[in-house]
């Protein structure tokens, strides 16, 4: 009887269906990017710096900045000086930086800025060129990516996962 129960138990166990969950996922993507043109400009102001020792401006003129008029210089006037104590050491330094004119506004047409500002502190980056930039992923997961011109990026990815519980 023990043998019958054993054979019956093995037969019933073999006849039951297996309990398993199978999950299969395929995810694929291609990202193509063309960088846009950019410009960052900062105006600089006019500056005048004067320093010295044993200098007398009483008989001459003090260095000065004039008024900024769009399209023309500031109107800088250099200093006119004399030595205070003849025969003694003296020093004199005068520096001048012409500031930027007030720029005209820029406009964007069809994604393009036709004229970028050029000011005292300007950084300009050229835009990307798509050229032959392309990418495809076939149903078997194989990728074909074609490089574009300058300022382009292509990234392809295929993720396969198989999960058995």
N, C-alpha and C. Protein backbone atom coordinates (compact mmCIF):
# COMPACT_ATOMS: atom_id res chain seq x y z
N UNK A 1 0.81 -1.18 0.00
CA UNK A 1 0.00 0.00 0.00
C UNK A 1 0.87 1.26 0.00
N UNK A 2 1.95 1.18 0.67
CA UNK A 2 2.84 2.32 0.67
C UNK A 2 3.37 2.56 -0.73
N UNK A 3 3.61 1.49 -1.39
CA UNK A 3 4.10 1.64 -2.74
C UNK A 3 3.04 2.22 -3.64
N UNK A 4 1.81 1.89 -3.49
CA UNK A 4 0.71 2.42 -4.29
C UNK A 4 0.55 3.91 -4.04
N UNK A 5 0.63 4.30 -2.77
CA UNK A 5 0.53 5.73 -2.46
C UNK A 5 1.69 6.52 -3.07
N UNK A 6 2.86 5.94 -3.04
CA UNK A 6 4.01 6.61 -3.62
C UNK A 6 3.86 6.77 -5.12
N UNK A 7 3.45 5.77 -5.82
CA UNK A 7 3.25 5.83 -7.27
C UNK A 7 2.12 6.81 -7.59
N UNK A 8 1.03 6.78 -6.80
CA UNK A 8 -0.08 7.71 -7.00
C UNK A 8 0.37 9.15 -6.78
N UNK A 9 1.17 9.41 -5.76
CA UNK A 9 1.69 10.77 -5.47
C UNK A 9 2.57 11.27 -6.59
N UNK A 10 3.45 10.43 -7.12
CA UNK A 10 4.34 10.83 -8.21
C UNK A 10 3.52 11.09 -9.47
N UNK A 11 2.55 10.29 -9.75
CA UNK A 11 1.69 10.46 -10.93
C UNK A 11 0.92 11.77 -10.86
N UNK A 12 0.34 12.08 -9.72
CA UNK A 12 -0.42 13.32 -9.57
C UNK A 12 0.49 14.55 -9.67
N UNK A 13 1.69 14.46 -9.08
CA UNK A 13 2.62 15.58 -9.14
C UNK A 13 3.06 15.83 -10.58
N UNK A 14 3.27 14.82 -11.35
CA UNK A 14 3.70 14.97 -12.74
C UNK A 14 2.57 15.51 -13.60
N UNK A 15 1.34 15.28 -13.23
CA UNK A 15 0.20 15.69 -14.03
C UNK A 15 -0.19 17.15 -13.79
N UNK A 16 0.27 17.77 -12.68
CA UNK A 16 -0.08 19.16 -12.40
C UNK A 16 0.71 20.09 -13.32
N UNK A 17 0.08 21.17 -13.82
CA UNK A 17 0.80 22.11 -14.69
C UNK A 17 1.82 22.93 -13.88
N UNK A 18 2.91 23.32 -14.54
CA UNK A 18 3.94 24.14 -13.88
C UNK A 18 3.40 25.56 -13.72
N UNK A 19 3.74 26.19 -12.63
CA UNK A 19 3.32 27.56 -12.36
C UNK A 19 4.54 28.48 -12.53
N UNK A 20 4.63 29.23 -13.66
CA UNK A 20 5.75 30.14 -13.91
C UNK A 20 5.25 31.33 -14.70
N UNK A 21 5.74 32.53 -14.33
CA UNK A 21 5.42 33.74 -15.08
C UNK A 21 6.67 34.15 -15.86
N UNK A 22 6.48 34.41 -17.14
CA UNK A 22 7.59 34.85 -17.99
C UNK A 22 7.23 36.22 -18.56
N UNK A 23 8.13 37.17 -18.37
CA UNK A 23 7.93 38.52 -18.90
C UNK A 23 9.13 38.85 -19.79
N UNK A 24 8.85 39.26 -21.01
CA UNK A 24 9.90 39.64 -21.96
C UNK A 24 9.62 41.06 -22.43
N UNK A 25 10.62 41.94 -22.29
CA UNK A 25 10.46 43.34 -22.70
C UNK A 25 11.57 43.74 -23.65
N UNK A 26 11.20 44.53 -24.64
CA UNK A 26 12.19 45.13 -25.55
C UNK A 26 11.88 46.61 -25.60
N UNK A 27 12.87 47.42 -25.24
CA UNK A 27 12.72 48.88 -25.30
C UNK A 27 13.85 49.43 -26.17
N UNK A 28 13.51 50.27 -27.11
CA UNK A 28 14.55 50.84 -27.97
C UNK A 28 14.27 52.32 -28.18
N UNK A 29 15.36 53.08 -28.31
CA UNK A 29 15.21 54.51 -28.56
C UNK A 29 16.44 55.05 -29.26
N UNK A 30 16.21 56.10 -30.04
CA UNK A 30 17.30 56.85 -30.67
C UNK A 30 17.01 58.32 -30.42
N UNK A 31 18.04 59.04 -30.00
CA UNK A 31 17.91 60.48 -29.77
C UNK A 31 18.89 61.19 -30.69
N UNK A 32 18.38 62.13 -31.48
CA UNK A 32 19.20 62.93 -32.39
C UNK A 32 19.11 64.38 -31.94
N UNK A 33 20.24 65.05 -31.83
CA UNK A 33 20.26 66.43 -31.33
C UNK A 33 21.18 67.29 -32.19
N UNK A 34 20.68 68.48 -32.53
CA UNK A 34 21.48 69.48 -33.25
C UNK A 34 21.52 70.71 -32.36
N UNK A 35 22.74 71.12 -31.97
CA UNK A 35 22.89 72.29 -31.09
C UNK A 35 22.54 73.57 -31.83
N UNK A 36 21.89 74.49 -31.12
CA UNK A 36 21.55 75.79 -31.68
C UNK A 36 22.68 76.78 -31.47
N UNK A 37 22.67 77.84 -32.27
CA UNK A 37 23.66 78.90 -32.12
C UNK A 37 23.35 79.69 -30.85
N UNK A 38 24.39 80.25 -30.24
CA UNK A 38 24.18 81.03 -29.02
C UNK A 38 25.20 82.16 -28.95
N UNK A 39 24.79 83.24 -28.35
CA UNK A 39 25.70 84.35 -28.13
C UNK A 39 25.37 84.98 -26.79
N UNK A 40 26.40 85.26 -26.03
CA UNK A 40 26.23 85.94 -24.75
C UNK A 40 27.14 87.15 -24.77
N UNK A 41 26.56 88.33 -24.62
CA UNK A 41 27.34 89.56 -24.70
C UNK A 41 27.05 90.45 -23.50
N UNK A 42 28.08 91.04 -22.95
CA UNK A 42 27.95 91.97 -21.83
C UNK A 42 28.62 93.28 -22.19
N UNK A 43 27.88 94.36 -22.00
CA UNK A 43 28.46 95.68 -22.27
C UNK A 43 29.48 96.02 -21.20
N UNK A 44 30.52 96.73 -21.61
CA UNK A 44 31.46 97.26 -20.64
C UNK A 44 31.35 98.77 -20.67
N UNK A 45 31.51 99.37 -19.54
CA UNK A 45 31.41 100.83 -19.44
C UNK A 45 32.76 101.49 -19.66
N UNK A 46 32.72 102.79 -19.91
CA UNK A 46 33.96 103.56 -20.04
C UNK A 46 34.57 103.74 -18.67
N UNK A 47 35.90 103.63 -18.60
CA UNK A 47 36.58 103.83 -17.33
C UNK A 47 37.81 104.72 -17.53
N UNK A 48 38.11 105.49 -16.51
CA UNK A 48 39.29 106.34 -16.49
C UNK A 48 39.92 106.19 -15.12
N UNK A 49 41.19 105.86 -15.10
CA UNK A 49 41.90 105.72 -13.83
C UNK A 49 43.16 106.59 -13.89
N UNK A 50 43.39 107.38 -12.83
CA UNK A 50 44.54 108.26 -12.74
C UNK A 50 45.20 108.06 -11.39
N UNK A 51 46.50 107.94 -11.39
CA UNK A 51 47.22 107.87 -10.12
C UNK A 51 48.59 108.54 -10.31
N UNK A 52 49.16 109.01 -9.25
CA UNK A 52 50.47 109.63 -9.35
C UNK A 52 50.90 110.25 -8.04
N UNK A 53 52.14 110.71 -8.03
CA UNK A 53 52.67 111.42 -6.86
C UNK A 53 53.55 112.57 -7.36
N UNK A 54 53.58 113.66 -6.58
CA UNK A 54 54.33 114.88 -6.92
C UNK A 54 53.84 115.49 -8.24
N UNK A 55 52.49 115.44 -8.46
CA UNK A 55 51.87 115.97 -9.67
C UNK A 55 50.92 117.10 -9.28
N UNK A 56 50.89 118.15 -10.09
CA UNK A 56 50.02 119.30 -9.83
C UNK A 56 49.15 119.55 -11.05
N UNK A 57 47.80 119.53 -10.85
CA UNK A 57 46.86 119.81 -11.94
C UNK A 57 46.38 121.26 -11.91
N UNK A 58 46.84 122.07 -10.96
CA UNK A 58 46.30 123.43 -10.79
C UNK A 58 46.55 124.31 -12.01
N UNK A 59 47.61 124.08 -12.75
CA UNK A 59 47.88 124.93 -13.91
C UNK A 59 47.35 124.31 -15.20
N UNK A 60 46.89 123.05 -15.14
CA UNK A 60 46.41 122.38 -16.34
C UNK A 60 45.00 121.86 -16.15
N UNK A 61 44.67 120.84 -16.91
CA UNK A 61 43.32 120.26 -16.82
C UNK A 61 43.39 118.86 -16.24
N UNK A 62 42.36 118.53 -15.52
CA UNK A 62 42.23 117.20 -14.94
C UNK A 62 41.69 116.27 -16.02
N UNK A 63 42.20 115.02 -16.14
CA UNK A 63 41.65 114.10 -17.14
C UNK A 63 40.17 113.87 -16.88
N UNK A 64 39.39 113.75 -17.94
CA UNK A 64 37.94 113.62 -17.76
C UNK A 64 37.32 112.84 -18.91
N UNK A 65 36.16 112.26 -18.61
CA UNK A 65 35.35 111.60 -19.64
C UNK A 65 34.27 112.57 -20.08
N UNK A 66 33.98 112.58 -21.38
CA UNK A 66 32.89 113.39 -21.89
C UNK A 66 31.60 112.60 -21.83
N UNK A 67 30.65 112.97 -22.64
CA UNK A 67 29.36 112.31 -22.69
C UNK A 67 29.34 111.30 -23.83
N UNK A 68 28.82 110.12 -23.55
CA UNK A 68 28.73 109.09 -24.58
C UNK A 68 27.59 109.43 -25.53
N UNK A 69 27.92 109.51 -26.80
CA UNK A 69 26.92 109.72 -27.83
C UNK A 69 26.94 108.49 -28.72
N UNK A 70 25.78 107.89 -28.97
CA UNK A 70 25.73 106.67 -29.75
C UNK A 70 26.41 106.87 -31.10
N UNK A 71 27.30 105.95 -31.43
CA UNK A 71 28.00 106.01 -32.71
C UNK A 71 29.30 106.81 -32.67
N UNK A 72 29.62 107.41 -31.53
CA UNK A 72 30.87 108.15 -31.45
C UNK A 72 31.56 107.86 -30.12
N UNK A 73 32.78 108.33 -29.98
CA UNK A 73 33.54 108.11 -28.76
C UNK A 73 32.98 108.92 -27.61
N UNK A 74 33.48 108.64 -26.42
CA UNK A 74 33.02 109.29 -25.20
C UNK A 74 33.48 110.74 -25.12
N UNK A 75 34.56 111.06 -25.76
CA UNK A 75 35.08 112.42 -25.63
C UNK A 75 36.06 112.52 -24.48
N UNK A 76 36.99 111.64 -24.40
CA UNK A 76 38.00 111.58 -23.35
C UNK A 76 38.95 112.77 -23.49
N UNK A 77 39.22 113.41 -22.36
CA UNK A 77 40.18 114.51 -22.32
C UNK A 77 41.34 114.10 -21.43
N UNK A 78 42.56 113.96 -21.99
CA UNK A 78 43.69 113.57 -21.16
C UNK A 78 44.08 114.69 -20.21
N UNK A 79 44.81 114.35 -19.17
CA UNK A 79 45.23 115.34 -18.18
C UNK A 79 46.40 116.19 -18.66
N UNK A 80 46.46 117.41 -18.14
CA UNK A 80 47.56 118.34 -18.40
C UNK A 80 48.11 118.70 -17.03
N UNK A 81 49.34 118.35 -16.76
CA UNK A 81 49.85 118.47 -15.40
C UNK A 81 51.24 119.09 -15.38
N UNK A 82 51.69 119.42 -14.17
CA UNK A 82 53.04 119.94 -13.94
C UNK A 82 53.61 119.23 -12.71
N UNK A 83 54.92 119.28 -12.58
CA UNK A 83 55.57 118.70 -11.41
C UNK A 83 55.41 119.67 -10.24
N UNK A 84 55.02 119.16 -9.07
CA UNK A 84 54.84 120.01 -7.89
C UNK A 84 56.18 120.52 -7.37
N UNK A 85 57.08 119.61 -7.05
CA UNK A 85 58.37 119.95 -6.46
C UNK A 85 59.47 119.56 -7.44
N UNK A 86 59.98 120.52 -8.14
CA UNK A 86 61.02 120.28 -9.15
C UNK A 86 62.21 119.58 -8.52
N UNK A 87 62.76 118.65 -9.25
CA UNK A 87 63.94 117.93 -8.79
C UNK A 87 63.63 116.71 -7.97
N UNK A 88 62.38 116.54 -7.53
CA UNK A 88 62.01 115.35 -6.75
C UNK A 88 61.39 114.31 -7.68
N UNK A 89 61.39 113.08 -7.23
CA UNK A 89 60.81 111.99 -8.01
C UNK A 89 59.30 112.20 -8.18
N UNK A 90 58.79 111.77 -9.31
CA UNK A 90 57.35 111.85 -9.54
C UNK A 90 56.91 110.60 -10.29
N UNK A 91 55.62 110.33 -10.21
CA UNK A 91 55.04 109.24 -11.01
C UNK A 91 53.66 109.69 -11.46
N UNK A 92 53.26 109.19 -12.61
CA UNK A 92 51.94 109.53 -13.13
C UNK A 92 51.47 108.39 -14.02
N UNK A 93 50.24 107.96 -13.84
CA UNK A 93 49.67 106.90 -14.66
C UNK A 93 48.23 107.27 -14.99
N UNK A 94 47.88 107.10 -16.24
CA UNK A 94 46.52 107.41 -16.68
C UNK A 94 46.10 106.30 -17.64
N UNK A 95 44.97 105.65 -17.36
CA UNK A 95 44.48 104.61 -18.28
C UNK A 95 43.01 104.88 -18.60
N UNK A 96 42.64 104.52 -19.82
CA UNK A 96 41.30 104.81 -20.30
C UNK A 96 40.81 103.62 -21.13
N UNK A 97 39.57 103.21 -20.88
CA UNK A 97 38.92 102.17 -21.68
C UNK A 97 37.63 102.75 -22.23
N UNK A 98 37.49 102.70 -23.54
CA UNK A 98 36.27 103.18 -24.21
C UNK A 98 35.18 102.13 -24.01
N UNK A 99 34.04 102.53 -23.48
CA UNK A 99 32.92 101.62 -23.25
C UNK A 99 32.17 101.31 -24.54
N UNK A 100 31.26 100.37 -24.43
CA UNK A 100 30.46 99.95 -25.59
C UNK A 100 29.35 100.94 -25.88
N UNK A 101 29.06 101.09 -27.16
CA UNK A 101 27.91 101.85 -27.60
C UNK A 101 26.66 101.05 -27.25
N UNK A 102 25.52 101.68 -27.14
CA UNK A 102 24.27 100.98 -26.87
C UNK A 102 23.90 100.19 -28.13
N UNK A 103 23.79 98.86 -28.02
CA UNK A 103 23.51 98.05 -29.21
C UNK A 103 22.04 98.12 -29.61
N UNK A 104 21.80 97.81 -30.87
CA UNK A 104 20.41 97.67 -31.32
C UNK A 104 19.92 96.30 -30.87
N UNK A 105 18.63 96.16 -30.76
CA UNK A 105 18.05 94.88 -30.31
C UNK A 105 18.24 93.82 -31.39
N UNK A 106 18.40 92.57 -30.97
CA UNK A 106 18.49 91.47 -31.91
C UNK A 106 17.11 90.85 -32.08
N UNK A 107 16.91 90.20 -33.20
CA UNK A 107 15.62 89.53 -33.43
C UNK A 107 15.88 88.14 -33.99
N UNK A 108 14.94 87.26 -33.74
CA UNK A 108 15.05 85.89 -34.21
C UNK A 108 14.01 85.67 -35.29
N UNK A 109 14.45 85.14 -36.43
CA UNK A 109 13.54 84.84 -37.54
C UNK A 109 13.81 83.42 -38.00
N UNK A 110 12.81 82.57 -37.97
CA UNK A 110 12.95 81.15 -38.35
C UNK A 110 14.04 80.46 -37.55
N UNK A 111 14.17 80.80 -36.27
CA UNK A 111 15.15 80.16 -35.41
C UNK A 111 16.56 80.68 -35.58
N UNK A 112 16.75 81.76 -36.36
CA UNK A 112 18.09 82.28 -36.63
C UNK A 112 18.16 83.73 -36.20
N UNK A 113 19.26 84.08 -35.51
CA UNK A 113 19.53 85.48 -35.19
C UNK A 113 20.41 85.99 -36.32
N UNK A 114 19.90 86.95 -37.08
CA UNK A 114 20.63 87.40 -38.28
C UNK A 114 21.87 88.21 -37.96
N UNK A 115 21.88 88.93 -36.86
CA UNK A 115 23.02 89.75 -36.50
C UNK A 115 23.24 89.67 -34.99
N UNK A 116 24.36 89.09 -34.59
CA UNK A 116 24.66 88.93 -33.16
C UNK A 116 25.39 90.17 -32.65
N UNK A 117 25.14 90.55 -31.40
CA UNK A 117 25.82 91.73 -30.86
C UNK A 117 27.30 91.46 -30.62
N UNK A 118 28.11 92.46 -30.83
CA UNK A 118 29.54 92.39 -30.52
C UNK A 118 29.82 93.48 -29.50
N UNK A 119 30.05 93.09 -28.27
CA UNK A 119 30.30 94.05 -27.21
C UNK A 119 31.65 93.75 -26.57
N UNK A 120 31.99 94.49 -25.53
CA UNK A 120 33.28 94.34 -24.88
C UNK A 120 33.59 92.95 -24.38
N UNK A 121 32.58 92.18 -24.02
CA UNK A 121 32.77 90.83 -23.53
C UNK A 121 31.74 89.95 -24.23
N UNK A 122 32.16 89.23 -25.27
CA UNK A 122 31.22 88.46 -26.10
C UNK A 122 31.72 87.04 -26.29
N UNK A 123 30.82 86.06 -26.09
CA UNK A 123 31.09 84.66 -26.40
C UNK A 123 30.03 84.21 -27.39
N UNK A 124 30.45 83.73 -28.55
CA UNK A 124 29.52 83.27 -29.58
C UNK A 124 29.83 81.82 -29.92
N UNK A 125 28.78 81.00 -29.98
CA UNK A 125 28.92 79.60 -30.33
C UNK A 125 28.14 79.33 -31.61
N UNK A 126 28.79 78.74 -32.56
CA UNK A 126 28.16 78.42 -33.83
C UNK A 126 27.12 77.32 -33.64
N UNK A 127 26.07 77.34 -34.42
CA UNK A 127 25.03 76.31 -34.35
C UNK A 127 25.48 75.03 -35.02
N UNK A 128 24.81 73.93 -34.70
CA UNK A 128 25.13 72.64 -35.30
C UNK A 128 24.59 72.55 -36.71
N UNK A 129 25.14 71.58 -37.46
CA UNK A 129 24.72 71.34 -38.84
C UNK A 129 24.27 69.89 -38.91
N UNK A 130 22.98 69.67 -39.19
CA UNK A 130 22.43 68.31 -39.19
C UNK A 130 23.16 67.42 -40.19
N UNK A 131 23.44 67.93 -41.37
CA UNK A 131 24.13 67.11 -42.38
C UNK A 131 23.38 65.83 -42.63
N UNK A 132 24.05 64.68 -42.46
CA UNK A 132 23.45 63.36 -42.68
C UNK A 132 23.00 62.70 -41.38
N UNK A 133 22.81 63.48 -40.32
CA UNK A 133 22.43 62.92 -39.02
C UNK A 133 21.16 62.08 -39.15
N UNK A 134 21.26 60.81 -38.74
CA UNK A 134 20.11 59.90 -38.84
C UNK A 134 20.33 58.72 -37.90
N UNK A 135 19.25 58.03 -37.60
CA UNK A 135 19.35 56.84 -36.78
C UNK A 135 18.12 55.97 -36.93
N UNK A 136 18.33 54.65 -36.99
CA UNK A 136 17.23 53.70 -37.06
C UNK A 136 17.54 52.49 -36.19
N UNK A 137 16.47 51.82 -35.73
CA UNK A 137 16.60 50.57 -34.99
C UNK A 137 15.69 49.56 -35.68
N UNK A 138 16.27 48.45 -36.11
CA UNK A 138 15.50 47.40 -36.80
C UNK A 138 14.78 46.53 -35.76
N UNK A 139 13.84 45.72 -36.23
CA UNK A 139 13.06 44.87 -35.33
C UNK A 139 13.92 43.83 -34.62
N UNK A 140 15.09 43.50 -35.16
CA UNK A 140 15.97 42.56 -34.49
C UNK A 140 16.89 43.25 -33.48
N UNK A 141 16.73 44.58 -33.28
CA UNK A 141 17.51 45.33 -32.30
C UNK A 141 18.79 45.93 -32.84
N UNK A 142 19.08 45.68 -34.11
CA UNK A 142 20.31 46.26 -34.67
C UNK A 142 20.09 47.75 -34.95
N UNK A 143 21.16 48.54 -34.70
CA UNK A 143 21.07 49.99 -34.86
C UNK A 143 21.93 50.45 -36.02
N UNK A 144 21.49 51.52 -36.67
CA UNK A 144 22.28 52.20 -37.68
C UNK A 144 22.23 53.69 -37.35
N UNK A 145 23.38 54.25 -37.00
CA UNK A 145 23.47 55.67 -36.66
C UNK A 145 24.45 56.33 -37.61
N UNK A 146 24.01 57.41 -38.24
CA UNK A 146 24.85 58.16 -39.18
C UNK A 146 25.23 59.48 -38.54
N UNK A 147 26.52 59.74 -38.49
CA UNK A 147 27.01 60.99 -37.87
C UNK A 147 26.55 62.20 -38.68
N UNK A 148 26.27 63.27 -37.97
CA UNK A 148 25.92 64.53 -38.62
C UNK A 148 27.15 65.43 -38.68
N UNK A 149 26.90 66.71 -38.88
CA UNK A 149 27.98 67.69 -38.93
C UNK A 149 28.35 68.14 -37.53
N UNK A 150 29.10 69.25 -37.47
CA UNK A 150 29.54 69.81 -36.20
C UNK A 150 28.34 70.18 -35.33
N UNK A 151 28.48 69.99 -34.01
CA UNK A 151 27.42 70.37 -33.08
C UNK A 151 26.25 69.42 -33.06
N UNK A 152 26.46 68.14 -33.44
CA UNK A 152 25.36 67.17 -33.41
C UNK A 152 25.71 66.01 -32.48
N UNK A 153 24.68 65.35 -31.98
CA UNK A 153 24.85 64.19 -31.10
C UNK A 153 23.80 63.15 -31.48
N UNK A 154 24.21 61.88 -31.56
CA UNK A 154 23.28 60.78 -31.81
C UNK A 154 23.52 59.71 -30.75
N UNK A 155 22.44 59.28 -30.10
CA UNK A 155 22.54 58.25 -29.06
C UNK A 155 21.48 57.19 -29.34
N UNK A 156 21.90 55.93 -29.39
CA UNK A 156 20.97 54.83 -29.61
C UNK A 156 21.04 53.85 -28.45
N UNK A 157 19.90 53.23 -28.15
CA UNK A 157 19.87 52.30 -27.02
C UNK A 157 18.81 51.23 -27.27
N UNK A 158 19.17 49.97 -26.98
CA UNK A 158 18.23 48.85 -27.02
C UNK A 158 18.39 48.11 -25.70
N UNK A 159 17.27 47.92 -24.99
CA UNK A 159 17.30 47.20 -23.71
C UNK A 159 16.39 45.98 -23.84
N UNK A 160 16.96 44.80 -23.62
CA UNK A 160 16.20 43.54 -23.64
C UNK A 160 16.18 42.99 -22.22
N UNK A 161 15.02 42.59 -21.77
CA UNK A 161 14.96 41.98 -20.44
C UNK A 161 14.05 40.75 -20.48
N UNK A 162 14.45 39.75 -19.75
CA UNK A 162 13.68 38.51 -19.65
C UNK A 162 13.58 38.18 -18.17
N UNK A 163 12.36 38.07 -17.67
CA UNK A 163 12.14 37.80 -16.24
C UNK A 163 11.29 36.55 -16.10
N UNK A 164 11.81 35.62 -15.32
CA UNK A 164 11.08 34.37 -15.10
C UNK A 164 10.86 34.22 -13.60
N UNK A 165 9.59 34.12 -13.20
CA UNK A 165 9.24 33.94 -11.78
C UNK A 165 8.88 32.50 -11.53
